[in-house]
Protein backbone atom coordinates (compact mmCIF):
# COMPACT_ATOMS: atom_id res chain seq x y z
CA MET A 1 0.00 0.00 0.03
CA ARG A 2 1.08 3.57 -0.75
CA HIS A 3 -0.38 5.39 2.31
CA ASN A 4 0.96 9.05 2.83
CA LYS A 5 3.51 8.64 0.00
CA LYS A 6 2.59 11.78 -1.97
CA PHE A 7 5.77 13.00 -3.84
CA ASN A 8 6.45 12.18 -7.35
CA HIS A 9 8.59 9.34 -7.96
CA LEU A 10 9.47 10.45 -11.61
CA GLY A 11 9.38 6.95 -12.84
CA ARG A 12 12.79 6.19 -11.18
CA GLN A 13 14.35 4.26 -8.32
CA THR A 14 15.25 6.00 -5.15
CA ALA A 15 18.95 6.22 -5.94
CA HIS A 16 18.35 7.34 -9.67
CA ARG A 17 15.95 9.91 -8.40
CA LYS A 18 18.23 11.31 -5.84
CA ALA A 19 21.27 11.37 -8.28
CA MET A 20 19.06 13.19 -11.01
CA LEU A 21 17.80 15.81 -8.53
CA SER A 22 21.21 16.41 -7.29
CA ASN A 23 22.61 17.05 -10.90
CA MET A 24 19.64 19.14 -11.69
CA ALA A 25 20.07 21.37 -8.55
CA SER A 26 23.95 21.73 -9.56
CA SER A 27 22.90 22.69 -12.99
CA LEU A 28 20.46 25.18 -11.79
CA ILE A 29 23.11 26.61 -9.43
CA GLN A 30 25.46 26.80 -12.16
CA HIS A 31 23.58 28.12 -14.97
CA LYS A 32 20.88 30.01 -12.99
CA ARG A 33 18.10 28.65 -15.41
CA ILE A 34 17.48 25.18 -16.96
CA ALA A 35 14.83 23.74 -19.25
CA THR A 36 13.10 20.52 -18.29
CA THR A 37 9.76 19.04 -17.99
CA LEU A 38 7.06 20.30 -15.48
CA ALA A 39 7.04 17.28 -13.35
CA LYS A 40 11.04 17.46 -12.85
CA ALA A 41 10.92 21.08 -12.19
CA LYS A 42 8.34 20.89 -9.43
CA ALA A 43 10.18 17.93 -7.85
CA LEU A 44 13.47 20.14 -8.22
CA GLN A 45 11.82 23.19 -6.60
CA VAL A 46 11.14 21.14 -3.61
CA TYR A 47 14.38 19.77 -3.51
CA VAL A 48 16.50 22.89 -4.09
CA GLU A 49 14.60 25.62 -1.96
CA PRO A 50 15.73 24.29 1.31
CA LEU A 51 19.47 24.16 0.22
CA LEU A 52 19.15 27.70 -0.92
CA THR A 53 17.76 28.60 2.51
CA LYS A 54 20.59 26.71 4.15
CA SER A 55 23.03 28.82 1.98
CA LYS A 56 22.04 32.12 3.61
CA GLU A 57 23.93 31.10 6.81
CA ASP A 58 27.58 30.43 5.85
CA THR A 59 28.83 27.92 8.50
CA THR A 60 30.70 24.76 8.37
CA HIS A 61 27.62 22.75 9.19
CA SER A 62 25.26 24.22 6.72
CA ARG A 63 28.09 23.72 3.78
CA ARG A 64 28.47 20.14 4.72
CA THR A 65 24.58 19.74 4.74
CA VAL A 66 24.38 21.35 1.38
CA PHE A 67 27.37 19.28 0.05
CA SER A 68 25.65 16.02 1.15
CA HIS A 69 22.91 16.82 -1.19
CA LEU A 70 24.84 18.39 -4.20
CA GLN A 71 28.10 16.22 -4.09
CA ASN A 72 29.84 18.97 -5.90
CA LYS A 73 32.40 21.26 -4.20
CA GLU A 74 32.35 23.87 -7.06
CA MET A 75 28.62 24.38 -6.81
CA VAL A 76 28.64 24.54 -3.15
CA THR A 77 31.25 27.38 -3.35
CA GLU A 78 29.09 29.17 -6.24
CA LEU A 79 26.06 28.66 -4.07
CA PHE A 80 27.58 29.98 -0.67
CA GLN A 81 29.53 32.94 -2.34
CA ASN A 82 27.39 34.28 -5.19
CA VAL A 83 23.97 33.00 -4.94
CA ALA A 84 23.51 33.50 -1.27
CA VAL A 85 24.66 37.19 -1.39
CA LYS A 86 21.57 37.72 -4.05
CA ILE A 87 18.86 35.90 -2.12
CA ALA A 88 19.90 37.02 1.41
CA ASN A 89 16.92 39.40 1.81
CA ARG A 90 14.27 37.09 0.26
CA PRO A 91 12.17 35.20 2.57
CA GLY A 92 11.63 32.42 0.34
CA GLY A 93 10.32 31.55 -3.11
CA TYR A 94 13.93 31.57 -4.78
CA THR A 95 12.91 29.65 -7.97
CA ARG A 96 10.24 30.41 -10.67
CA ILE A 97 8.82 27.94 -13.07
CA LEU A 98 7.86 29.43 -16.48
CA ARG A 99 5.87 26.99 -18.65
CA THR A 100 7.03 26.81 -22.22
CA GLY A 101 4.58 24.46 -24.04
CA PHE A 102 4.58 20.86 -24.94
CA ARG A 103 7.64 18.64 -26.27
CA LEU A 104 7.15 17.36 -29.82
CA GLY A 105 7.97 13.75 -29.33
CA ASP A 106 5.88 12.69 -26.28
CA ASN A 107 3.91 15.67 -25.64
CA ALA A 108 5.42 16.02 -22.05
CA GLU A 109 4.63 19.63 -20.71
CA MET A 110 8.07 21.44 -20.78
CA CYS A 111 9.05 24.52 -18.74
CA ILE A 112 12.09 26.68 -17.58
CA ILE A 113 12.80 26.70 -13.98
CA GLU A 114 15.17 29.81 -12.72
CA LEU A 115 16.48 31.45 -9.97
CA VAL A 116 14.17 34.42 -9.30
CA ASP A 117 16.95 37.07 -8.61
CA TYR A 118 18.97 36.35 -11.75
CA ASN A 119 16.31 37.15 -14.31
CA GLU A 120 17.26 40.70 -15.54
CA ASN A 121 14.25 41.09 -17.72
CA MET A 122 11.62 40.43 -14.95
CA LEU A 123 13.68 42.76 -12.53
CA LYS A 124 13.55 45.47 -15.00
CA GLU A 125 9.67 45.15 -15.61
CA LYS A 126 9.26 45.06 -11.80
CA ALA A 127 11.24 48.15 -11.20
CA VAL A 128 9.04 49.88 -13.97
CA LYS A 129 5.80 48.83 -12.45
CA LYS A 130 6.86 50.08 -9.01
CA ALA A 131 7.45 53.64 -10.49
CA ALA A 132 4.00 53.69 -12.09
CA ARG A 133 1.90 53.00 -8.97
CA THR A 134 -0.39 55.63 -7.50
CA ARG A 135 -2.53 55.80 -4.40
CA ARG A 136 -5.95 55.53 -4.32
CA ALA A 137 -6.18 58.78 -2.10
CA GLY A 138 -5.18 60.82 -5.05
CA THR A 139 -8.53 60.21 -7.07
CA ALA A 140 -9.20 63.93 -6.83
CA LYS A 141 -5.96 64.76 -8.31
CA LYS A 142 -6.63 62.23 -11.03
CA ALA A 143 -9.90 63.93 -12.03
CA GLU A 144 -8.00 67.30 -12.40
CA THR A 145 -5.41 65.64 -14.57
CA VAL A 146 -7.92 64.01 -16.87
CA ALA A 147 -9.13 67.55 -18.16
CA PRO A 148 -5.80 68.40 -19.49
CA VAL A 149 -5.34 65.06 -21.05
CA ALA A 150 -8.60 65.25 -22.86
CA ALA A 151 -7.43 68.62 -24.44
CA ALA A 152 -4.25 66.86 -25.54
CA PRO A 153 -5.95 64.63 -28.32
CA ALA A 154 -7.58 67.65 -29.99
CA VAL A 155 -4.21 68.89 -30.64
CA ALA A 156 -2.82 65.59 -31.81
CA VAL A 157 -5.97 65.43 -34.25
CA GLU A 158 -4.62 68.55 -36.06
CA GLU A 159 -1.10 67.14 -36.25
CA PRO A 160 -1.85 64.43 -38.67
CA ALA A 161 -3.35 67.10 -41.00
CA GLU A 162 -0.08 68.98 -41.02
CA VAL A 163 1.96 65.45 -41.83
CA GLU A 164 -0.44 64.99 -44.84
CA ALA A 165 0.57 68.19 -46.67
CA PRO A 166 4.32 67.10 -46.99
CA VAL A 167 3.10 63.94 -48.54
CA VAL A 168 1.23 65.86 -51.27
CA THR A 169 4.40 67.91 -51.77
CA ASP A 170 6.33 64.45 -52.26
CA GLU A 171 3.70 63.36 -54.81
CA GLU A 172 4.26 66.53 -56.91
CA THR A 173 8.13 66.39 -56.93
CA PRO A 174 8.44 63.18 -58.71
CA ALA A 175 5.85 64.65 -61.44
CA ALA A 176 8.12 67.69 -61.82
CA GLU A 177 11.10 65.52 -62.44
């Protein structure tokens, strides 16, 4: 019976599954982003997030604990020196899963799993969104700003008429040649 055995075995024996997750975690730490199936990404997320939490505290015990999972000295060093510095202020949720569609051969759902603090594109979008936020208390000010904005399109309507005049001039020029 499989009472209370809820995690995904990924179609592998225990030793193979542990080795695979260890290798995938090392690759994630090294490359900051890897492409894999959704099931493996979810299993990897559960596997690697506690290791990332451990890396915030740089002690001999935490290094040995992480090494027992990763079995790769270079990745442990990378994790504690570079990655831990970036995730120091984050309370959790160090990884993000982005679905990318289905694989052609077997229709498995594919995704990209990445470290959140290393995706520069999303960090830029987040900074832009923070600057654009306004408070709800400023609704009276918004009503005042709506009136000048309404006048602006009337001016913009006149501008295309001016743009059309040079186009007519261009048509006459080839005829003159």
